[in-house]
Amino acid sequence: MKTPIQDLNQIAKLNRLRRISRILDNAIAIPGTKIRLGIDPILGLLPGGGDTVSGGLSAYIVVEAARMGLPREVLWQMVGNIILDSVAGTIPVVGDLFDVGWKSNVRNIALLEKHIEVAESSKSDRLFIFGLIVLLVLIIVGFAAITVFTVSWIWGLIFQ
């Protein structure tokens, strides 16, 4: 079931989410190839903090999608995309290469656009949105903590 765009504010919000997604996943074209990358894999090179920033922006896209009334099933797919991106991102270098190909934010915007256009609205309730925000914050903070712990553990092994 598709959710209608009800006013100019929602159109502006959708355009803002598209821009964020493009910056995170497709901002830079690699000359001579069809490959595009955004700042997400670049931020991922910064231990802990980079993945936290990109995860926060990814979570923002999902929260705004929930506020726009997307069905819960679609929101869970979006959260799954972020979780997969976050799990892969904890693996140094390999995770950043995965980010170049996976593009969770582009996938999430595609899900948003697929389910928002015409037909009846099925607004997500506030409790679900609150729970979604809490879950996304826990995921982002958890993976940032795992990254920091792993880097400090490796650092301790090397310089002990």
N, C-alpha and C. Protein backbone atom coordinates (compact mmCIF):
# COMPACT_ATOMS: atom_id res chain seq x y z
N MET A 1 0.84 -1.16 0.00
CA MET A 1 0.00 0.00 0.00
C MET A 1 0.89 1.24 0.00
N LYS A 2 0.58 2.21 -0.85
CA LYS A 2 1.39 3.41 -0.93
C LYS A 2 0.84 4.51 -0.04
N THR A 3 1.73 5.36 0.43
CA THR A 3 1.37 6.45 1.31
C THR A 3 1.39 7.75 0.52
N PRO A 4 0.35 8.58 0.61
CA PRO A 4 0.33 9.80 -0.19
C PRO A 4 1.26 10.87 0.37
N ILE A 5 1.83 11.63 -0.54
CA ILE A 5 2.56 12.83 -0.12
C ILE A 5 1.49 13.90 0.02
N GLN A 6 1.35 14.45 1.22
CA GLN A 6 0.20 15.29 1.51
C GLN A 6 0.44 16.78 1.34
N ASP A 7 1.66 17.24 1.41
CA ASP A 7 1.87 18.67 1.28
C ASP A 7 3.28 18.97 0.80
N LEU A 8 3.54 20.26 0.60
CA LEU A 8 4.85 20.69 0.12
C LEU A 8 5.95 20.39 1.12
N ASN A 9 5.62 20.37 2.42
CA ASN A 9 6.63 20.03 3.43
C ASN A 9 7.14 18.61 3.24
N GLN A 10 6.24 17.68 2.93
CA GLN A 10 6.68 16.30 2.70
C GLN A 10 7.51 16.18 1.43
N ILE A 11 7.16 16.95 0.41
CA ILE A 11 7.96 16.94 -0.81
C ILE A 11 9.36 17.48 -0.51
N ALA A 12 9.43 18.56 0.26
CA ALA A 12 10.73 19.12 0.64
C ALA A 12 11.51 18.13 1.49
N LYS A 13 10.82 17.44 2.40
CA LYS A 13 11.47 16.44 3.25
C LYS A 13 12.03 15.30 2.40
N LEU A 14 11.24 14.83 1.44
CA LEU A 14 11.69 13.75 0.55
C LEU A 14 12.91 14.18 -0.24
N ASN A 15 12.91 15.41 -0.75
CA ASN A 15 14.08 15.92 -1.48
C ASN A 15 15.30 16.02 -0.58
N ARG A 16 15.11 16.44 0.67
CA ARG A 16 16.22 16.53 1.63
C ARG A 16 16.79 15.13 1.91
N LEU A 17 15.92 14.15 2.08
CA LEU A 17 16.37 12.77 2.32
C LEU A 17 17.12 12.23 1.11
N ARG A 18 16.66 12.56 -0.09
CA ARG A 18 17.37 12.15 -1.31
C ARG A 18 18.78 12.74 -1.34
N ARG A 19 18.89 14.03 -0.98
CA ARG A 19 20.21 14.68 -0.97
C ARG A 19 21.14 14.02 0.03
N ILE A 20 20.65 13.75 1.23
CA ILE A 20 21.47 13.09 2.25
C ILE A 20 21.93 11.73 1.74
N SER A 21 21.02 10.98 1.15
CA SER A 21 21.36 9.66 0.62
C SER A 21 22.42 9.76 -0.47
N ARG A 22 22.25 10.73 -1.37
CA ARG A 22 23.22 10.91 -2.46
C ARG A 22 24.60 11.28 -1.90
N ILE A 23 24.63 12.16 -0.92
CA ILE A 23 25.91 12.55 -0.32
C ILE A 23 26.57 11.36 0.36
N LEU A 24 25.79 10.56 1.07
CA LEU A 24 26.34 9.41 1.78
C LEU A 24 26.80 8.29 0.84
N ASP A 25 26.08 8.07 -0.26
CA ASP A 25 26.35 6.88 -1.07
C ASP A 25 26.80 7.13 -2.51
N ASN A 26 26.50 8.28 -3.11
CA ASN A 26 26.76 8.45 -4.54
C ASN A 26 27.35 9.80 -4.93
N ALA A 27 27.95 10.53 -4.02
CA ALA A 27 28.37 11.90 -4.29
C ALA A 27 29.51 12.02 -5.30
N ILE A 28 30.40 11.05 -5.33
CA ILE A 28 31.63 11.17 -6.12
C ILE A 28 31.67 10.08 -7.18
N ALA A 29 31.84 10.50 -8.43
CA ALA A 29 32.01 9.53 -9.52
C ALA A 29 33.49 9.23 -9.67
N ILE A 30 33.82 7.95 -9.79
CA ILE A 30 35.21 7.56 -10.03
C ILE A 30 35.42 7.64 -11.54
N PRO A 31 36.32 8.52 -11.99
CA PRO A 31 36.52 8.73 -13.43
C PRO A 31 36.86 7.43 -14.17
N GLY A 32 36.24 7.27 -15.33
CA GLY A 32 36.51 6.11 -16.17
C GLY A 32 35.75 4.86 -15.78
N THR A 33 34.90 4.96 -14.75
CA THR A 33 34.10 3.81 -14.31
C THR A 33 32.65 4.26 -14.11
N LYS A 34 31.79 3.30 -13.88
CA LYS A 34 30.40 3.61 -13.53
C LYS A 34 30.22 3.63 -12.02
N ILE A 35 31.32 3.49 -11.30
CA ILE A 35 31.27 3.42 -9.83
C ILE A 35 31.15 4.82 -9.24
N ARG A 36 30.22 4.95 -8.31
CA ARG A 36 30.06 6.18 -7.55
C ARG A 36 30.17 5.82 -6.07
N LEU A 37 30.74 6.71 -5.30
CA LEU A 37 30.78 6.51 -3.86
C LEU A 37 30.49 7.81 -3.16
N GLY A 38 30.09 7.69 -1.94
CA GLY A 38 29.77 8.87 -1.15
C GLY A 38 30.71 8.98 0.03
N ILE A 39 30.30 9.79 0.99
CA ILE A 39 31.17 9.98 2.15
C ILE A 39 31.06 8.86 3.16
N ASP A 40 30.05 7.98 3.02
CA ASP A 40 29.87 6.88 3.98
C ASP A 40 31.12 5.99 4.06
N PRO A 41 31.64 5.46 2.96
CA PRO A 41 32.85 4.63 3.09
C PRO A 41 34.08 5.44 3.51
N ILE A 42 34.10 6.72 3.16
CA ILE A 42 35.22 7.58 3.56
C ILE A 42 35.17 7.81 5.07
N LEU A 43 33.98 8.13 5.58
CA LEU A 43 33.82 8.29 7.03
C LEU A 43 34.13 7.00 7.77
N GLY A 44 33.84 5.87 7.13
CA GLY A 44 34.10 4.57 7.74
C GLY A 44 35.56 4.32 8.02
N LEU A 45 36.43 5.05 7.34
CA LEU A 45 37.87 4.90 7.58
C LEU A 45 38.29 5.50 8.92
N LEU A 46 37.45 6.38 9.47
CA LEU A 46 37.74 6.96 10.79
C LEU A 46 37.20 6.02 11.85
N PRO A 47 38.05 5.42 12.66
CA PRO A 47 37.58 4.43 13.64
C PRO A 47 36.55 5.01 14.60
N GLY A 48 35.44 4.30 14.74
CA GLY A 48 34.40 4.69 15.70
C GLY A 48 33.56 5.87 15.27
N GLY A 49 34.14 7.02 15.22
CA GLY A 49 33.40 8.25 14.95
C GLY A 49 32.78 8.34 13.58
N GLY A 50 33.49 7.90 12.57
CA GLY A 50 32.98 7.99 11.20
C GLY A 50 31.74 7.15 10.99
N ASP A 51 31.77 5.92 11.46
CA ASP A 51 30.61 5.04 11.33
C ASP A 51 29.44 5.56 12.16
N THR A 52 29.73 6.22 13.26
CA THR A 52 28.68 6.78 14.10
C THR A 52 27.97 7.92 13.38
N VAL A 53 28.74 8.79 12.73
CA VAL A 53 28.15 9.91 12.00
C VAL A 53 27.30 9.40 10.84
N SER A 54 27.86 8.51 10.02
CA SER A 54 27.09 8.01 8.88
C SER A 54 25.89 7.18 9.35
N GLY A 55 26.04 6.44 10.44
CA GLY A 55 24.92 5.68 10.99
C GLY A 55 23.81 6.60 11.49
N GLY A 56 24.21 7.71 12.09
CA GLY A 56 23.22 8.68 12.56
C GLY A 56 22.43 9.28 11.41
N LEU A 57 23.11 9.60 10.31
CA LEU A 57 22.41 10.13 9.14
C LEU A 57 21.51 9.08 8.50
N SER A 58 21.98 7.84 8.49
CA SER A 58 21.15 6.74 7.96
C SER A 58 19.91 6.55 8.83
N ALA A 59 20.09 6.64 10.14
CA ALA A 59 18.96 6.51 11.06
C ALA A 59 17.97 7.65 10.87
N TYR A 60 18.48 8.84 10.60
CA TYR A 60 17.61 10.00 10.35
C TYR A 60 16.69 9.73 9.16
N ILE A 61 17.22 9.12 8.11
CA ILE A 61 16.40 8.80 6.94
C ILE A 61 15.26 7.87 7.34
N VAL A 62 15.56 6.86 8.14
CA VAL A 62 14.53 5.89 8.55
C VAL A 62 13.49 6.56 9.46
N VAL A 63 13.94 7.39 10.38
CA VAL A 63 13.00 8.06 11.28
C VAL A 63 12.06 8.98 10.49
N GLU A 64 12.61 9.71 9.54
CA GLU A 64 11.76 10.58 8.71
C GLU A 64 10.80 9.76 7.86
N ALA A 65 11.25 8.61 7.38
CA ALA A 65 10.36 7.72 6.62
C ALA A 65 9.21 7.25 7.51
N ALA A 66 9.51 6.97 8.77
CA ALA A 66 8.46 6.56 9.71
C ALA A 66 7.47 7.70 9.93
N ARG A 67 7.98 8.89 10.06
CA ARG A 67 7.10 10.06 10.25
C ARG A 67 6.25 10.33 9.01
N MET A 68 6.73 9.91 7.85
CA MET A 68 5.97 10.09 6.61
C MET A 68 4.91 9.01 6.45
N GLY A 69 4.88 8.04 7.37
CA GLY A 69 3.82 7.07 7.39
C GLY A 69 4.09 5.76 6.68
N LEU A 70 5.35 5.41 6.46
CA LEU A 70 5.64 4.14 5.81
C LEU A 70 5.20 2.97 6.68
N PRO A 71 4.78 1.87 6.07
CA PRO A 71 4.39 0.69 6.85
C PRO A 71 5.57 0.13 7.65
N ARG A 72 5.26 -0.49 8.76
CA ARG A 72 6.30 -1.05 9.63
C ARG A 72 7.19 -2.05 8.90
N GLU A 73 6.61 -2.87 8.02
CA GLU A 73 7.41 -3.87 7.31
C GLU A 73 8.51 -3.20 6.49
N VAL A 74 8.18 -2.07 5.87
CA VAL A 74 9.16 -1.35 5.06
C VAL A 74 10.22 -0.72 5.97
N LEU A 75 9.78 -0.17 7.09
CA LEU A 75 10.73 0.42 8.04
C LEU A 75 11.71 -0.64 8.55
N TRP A 76 11.21 -1.86 8.81
CA TRP A 76 12.10 -2.94 9.26
C TRP A 76 13.10 -3.31 8.16
N GLN A 77 12.68 -3.27 6.90
CA GLN A 77 13.62 -3.52 5.80
C GLN A 77 14.71 -2.45 5.80
N MET A 78 14.31 -1.21 6.03
CA MET A 78 15.27 -0.11 6.06
C MET A 78 16.26 -0.29 7.22
N VAL A 79 15.74 -0.66 8.39
CA VAL A 79 16.61 -0.91 9.54
C VAL A 79 17.56 -2.07 9.23
N GLY A 80 17.06 -3.11 8.59
CA GLY A 80 17.92 -4.24 8.19
C GLY A 80 19.05 -3.81 7.28
N ASN A 81 18.77 -2.90 6.35
CA ASN A 81 19.83 -2.38 5.48
C ASN A 81 20.91 -1.68 6.29
N ILE A 82 20.49 -0.90 7.28
CA ILE A 82 21.45 -0.18 8.12
C ILE A 82 22.24 -1.16 8.98
N ILE A 83 21.57 -2.17 9.53
CA ILE A 83 22.27 -3.16 10.36
C ILE A 83 23.33 -3.88 9.54
N LEU A 84 22.96 -4.33 8.34
CA LEU A 84 23.93 -5.02 7.48
C LEU A 84 25.11 -4.11 7.16
N ASP A 85 24.82 -2.85 6.85
CA ASP A 85 25.87 -1.88 6.57
C ASP A 85 26.76 -1.68 7.79
N SER A 86 26.15 -1.60 8.98
CA SER A 86 26.91 -1.39 10.22
C SER A 86 27.76 -2.61 10.57
N VAL A 87 27.19 -3.80 10.43
CA VAL A 87 27.94 -5.02 10.73
C VAL A 87 29.15 -5.14 9.80
N ALA A 88 28.91 -4.96 8.52
CA ALA A 88 30.02 -5.04 7.56
C ALA A 88 31.04 -3.93 7.81
N GLY A 89 30.55 -2.76 8.23
CA GLY A 89 31.43 -1.63 8.47
C GLY A 89 32.40 -1.82 9.62
N THR A 90 32.13 -2.78 10.50
CA THR A 90 33.04 -3.02 11.62
C THR A 90 34.31 -3.74 11.18
N ILE A 91 34.30 -4.30 10.00
CA ILE A 91 35.49 -4.99 9.48
C ILE A 91 36.35 -3.95 8.77
N PRO A 92 37.53 -3.64 9.30
CA PRO A 92 38.36 -2.61 8.69
C PRO A 92 38.64 -2.90 7.21
N VAL A 93 38.62 -1.86 6.43
CA VAL A 93 38.87 -1.83 4.99
C VAL A 93 37.82 -2.63 4.21
N VAL A 94 37.62 -3.90 4.53
CA VAL A 94 36.63 -4.73 3.83
C VAL A 94 35.24 -4.11 3.98
N GLY A 95 34.92 -3.63 5.17
CA GLY A 95 33.63 -3.00 5.41
C GLY A 95 33.45 -1.74 4.59
N ASP A 96 34.52 -0.99 4.42
CA ASP A 96 34.44 0.23 3.62
C ASP A 96 34.25 -0.09 2.14
N LEU A 97 34.89 -1.15 1.68
CA LEU A 97 34.67 -1.60 0.30
C LEU A 97 33.22 -2.09 0.13
N PHE A 98 32.70 -2.76 1.14
CA PHE A 98 31.31 -3.21 1.12
C PHE A 98 30.38 -2.01 1.01
N ASP A 99 30.70 -0.93 1.74
CA ASP A 99 29.89 0.29 1.69
C ASP A 99 29.76 0.85 0.28
N VAL A 100 30.84 0.76 -0.49
CA VAL A 100 30.83 1.28 -1.85
C VAL A 100 29.79 0.55 -2.69
N GLY A 101 29.66 -0.76 -2.48
CA GLY A 101 28.72 -1.55 -3.28
C GLY A 101 27.32 -1.66 -2.70
N TRP A 102 27.18 -1.70 -1.38
CA TRP A 102 25.88 -1.97 -0.77
C TRP A 102 24.94 -0.77 -0.84
N LYS A 103 25.43 0.41 -0.50
CA LYS A 103 24.66 1.66 -0.56
C LYS A 103 23.31 1.55 0.16
N SER A 104 23.37 1.35 1.45
CA SER A 104 22.14 1.16 2.23
C SER A 104 21.20 2.36 2.15
N ASN A 105 21.75 3.56 2.06
CA ASN A 105 20.90 4.75 2.02
C ASN A 105 20.15 4.87 0.69
N VAL A 106 20.83 4.53 -0.40
CA VAL A 106 20.16 4.53 -1.71
C VAL A 106 19.04 3.48 -1.70
N ARG A 107 19.32 2.33 -1.12
CA ARG A 107 18.29 1.28 -1.01
C ARG A 107 17.11 1.76 -0.18
N ASN A 108 17.41 2.47 0.91
CA ASN A 108 16.33 2.94 1.77
C ASN A 108 15.49 4.03 1.10
N ILE A 109 16.12 4.90 0.34
CA ILE A 109 15.37 5.92 -0.39
C ILE A 109 14.51 5.26 -1.46
N ALA A 110 15.04 4.22 -2.11
CA ALA A 110 14.24 3.49 -3.11
C ALA A 110 13.01 2.85 -2.45
N LEU A 111 13.19 2.28 -1.26
CA LEU A 111 12.05 1.72 -0.53
C LEU A 111 11.04 2.82 -0.17
N LEU A 112 11.55 3.95 0.26
CA LEU A 112 10.68 5.08 0.61
C LEU A 112 9.88 5.52 -0.61
N GLU A 113 10.56 5.72 -1.74
CA GLU A 113 9.89 6.18 -2.95
C GLU A 113 8.89 5.16 -3.48
N LYS A 114 9.20 3.89 -3.30
CA LYS A 114 8.31 2.83 -3.77
C LYS A 114 6.98 2.83 -3.00
N HIS A 115 7.04 3.21 -1.74
CA HIS A 115 5.85 3.12 -0.89
C HIS A 115 5.18 4.46 -0.61
N ILE A 116 5.70 5.53 -1.19
CA ILE A 116 5.08 6.82 -0.94
C ILE A 116 4.68 7.42 -2.29
N GLU A 117 3.44 7.65 -2.51
CA GLU A 117 2.94 8.26 -3.73
C GLU A 117 1.44 8.44 -3.68
N VAL A 118 0.73 7.35 -3.87
CA VAL A 118 -0.72 7.44 -3.99
C VAL A 118 -1.35 6.53 -2.93
N ALA A 119 -2.64 6.52 -2.81
CA ALA A 119 -3.40 5.58 -1.97
C ALA A 119 -3.50 6.04 -0.53
N GLU A 120 -3.90 5.09 0.33
CA GLU A 120 -4.20 5.44 1.71
C GLU A 120 -2.96 5.44 2.60
N SER A 121 -3.02 6.25 3.60
CA SER A 121 -1.92 6.35 4.56
C SER A 121 -2.11 5.34 5.68
N SER A 122 -1.01 4.74 6.10
CA SER A 122 -1.05 3.91 7.31
C SER A 122 0.02 4.46 8.25
N LYS A 123 -0.33 5.51 8.95
CA LYS A 123 0.63 6.21 9.81
C LYS A 123 1.19 5.29 10.89
N SER A 124 2.51 5.35 11.04
CA SER A 124 3.15 4.61 12.12
C SER A 124 2.84 5.31 13.44
N ASP A 125 2.57 4.55 14.47
CA ASP A 125 2.25 5.18 15.74
C ASP A 125 3.50 5.71 16.43
N ARG A 126 3.29 6.65 17.32
CA ARG A 126 4.40 7.33 17.99
C ARG A 126 5.26 6.37 18.81
N LEU A 127 4.65 5.41 19.46
CA LEU A 127 5.41 4.45 20.26
C LEU A 127 6.35 3.64 19.37
N PHE A 128 5.87 3.22 18.21
CA PHE A 128 6.72 2.48 17.29
C PHE A 128 7.88 3.34 16.81
N ILE A 129 7.59 4.60 16.46
CA ILE A 129 8.65 5.51 16.02
C ILE A 129 9.67 5.71 17.13
N PHE A 130 9.21 5.90 18.37
CA PHE A 130 10.12 6.05 19.51
C PHE A 130 10.99 4.80 19.67
N GLY A 131 10.37 3.63 19.61
CA GLY A 131 11.12 2.38 19.71
C GLY A 131 12.13 2.23 18.59
N LEU A 132 11.75 2.66 17.39
CA LEU A 132 12.65 2.61 16.24
C LEU A 132 13.86 3.51 16.46
N ILE A 133 13.61 4.70 16.98
CA ILE A 133 14.71 5.63 17.26
C ILE A 133 15.65 5.03 18.30
N VAL A 134 15.09 4.48 19.37
CA VAL A 134 15.91 3.87 20.42
C VAL A 134 16.74 2.72 19.85
N LEU A 135 16.12 1.87 19.05
CA LEU A 135 16.84 0.75 18.43
C LEU A 135 17.98 1.23 17.54
N LEU A 136 17.71 2.23 16.71
CA LEU A 136 18.75 2.75 15.81
C LEU A 136 19.90 3.38 16.59
N VAL A 137 19.58 4.11 17.64
CA VAL A 137 20.64 4.71 18.48
C VAL A 137 21.48 3.61 19.12
N LEU A 138 20.83 2.57 19.64
CA LEU A 138 21.57 1.46 20.25
C LEU A 138 22.46 0.76 19.23
N ILE A 139 21.96 0.57 18.03
CA ILE A 139 22.76 -0.07 16.98
C ILE A 139 23.99 0.78 16.66
N ILE A 140 23.78 2.07 16.46
CA ILE A 140 24.89 2.96 16.09
C ILE A 140 25.91 3.03 17.22
N VAL A 141 25.46 3.24 18.44
CA VAL A 141 26.37 3.33 19.58
C VAL A 141 27.06 1.98 19.81
N GLY A 142 26.31 0.90 19.67
CA GLY A 142 26.89 -0.43 19.85
C GLY A 142 28.01 -0.73 18.87
N PHE A 143 27.77 -0.44 17.60
CA PHE A 143 28.81 -0.71 16.62
C PHE A 143 29.99 0.25 16.76
N ALA A 144 29.73 1.48 17.19
CA ALA A 144 30.84 2.40 17.46
C ALA A 144 31.68 1.86 18.62
N ALA A 145 31.02 1.36 19.66
CA ALA A 145 31.75 0.80 20.81
C ALA A 145 32.54 -0.44 20.40
N ILE A 146 31.94 -1.29 19.58
CA ILE A 146 32.66 -2.48 19.11
C ILE A 146 33.89 -2.08 18.32
N THR A 147 33.75 -1.07 17.47
CA THR A 147 34.88 -0.61 16.67
C THR A 147 35.99 -0.06 17.56
N VAL A 148 35.63 0.80 18.51
CA VAL A 148 36.63 1.38 19.41
C VAL A 148 37.30 0.28 20.23
N PHE A 149 36.52 -0.66 20.75
CA PHE A 149 37.08 -1.77 21.52
C PHE A 149 38.05 -2.59 20.67
N THR A 150 37.66 -2.91 19.44
CA THR A 150 38.50 -3.71 18.55
C THR A 150 39.80 -3.00 18.23
N VAL A 151 39.71 -1.71 17.91
CA VAL A 151 40.91 -0.93 17.59
C VAL A 151 41.83 -0.86 18.80
N SER A 152 41.27 -0.61 19.99
CA SER A 152 42.13 -0.53 21.18
C SER A 152 42.73 -1.89 21.52
N TRP A 153 41.99 -2.97 21.30
CA TRP A 153 42.52 -4.32 21.54
C TRP A 153 43.67 -4.62 20.59
N ILE A 154 43.49 -4.31 19.32
CA ILE A 154 44.56 -4.52 18.33
C ILE A 154 45.75 -3.64 18.66
N TRP A 155 45.49 -2.41 19.05
CA TRP A 155 46.56 -1.48 19.43
C TRP A 155 47.35 -2.06 20.60
N GLY A 156 46.64 -2.62 21.58
CA GLY A 156 47.31 -3.22 22.74
C GLY A 156 48.14 -4.43 22.36
N LEU A 157 47.67 -5.23 21.41
CA LEU A 157 48.44 -6.39 20.95
C LEU A 157 49.72 -5.97 20.23
N ILE A 158 49.61 -4.92 19.46
CA ILE A 158 50.77 -4.47 18.67
C ILE A 158 51.81 -3.80 19.55
N PHE A 159 51.39 -2.95 20.46
CA PHE A 159 52.33 -2.13 21.22
C PHE A 159 52.48 -2.56 22.67
N GLN A 160 52.27 -3.82 22.95
CA GLN A 160 52.42 -4.32 24.31
C GLN A 160 53.85 -4.62 24.63
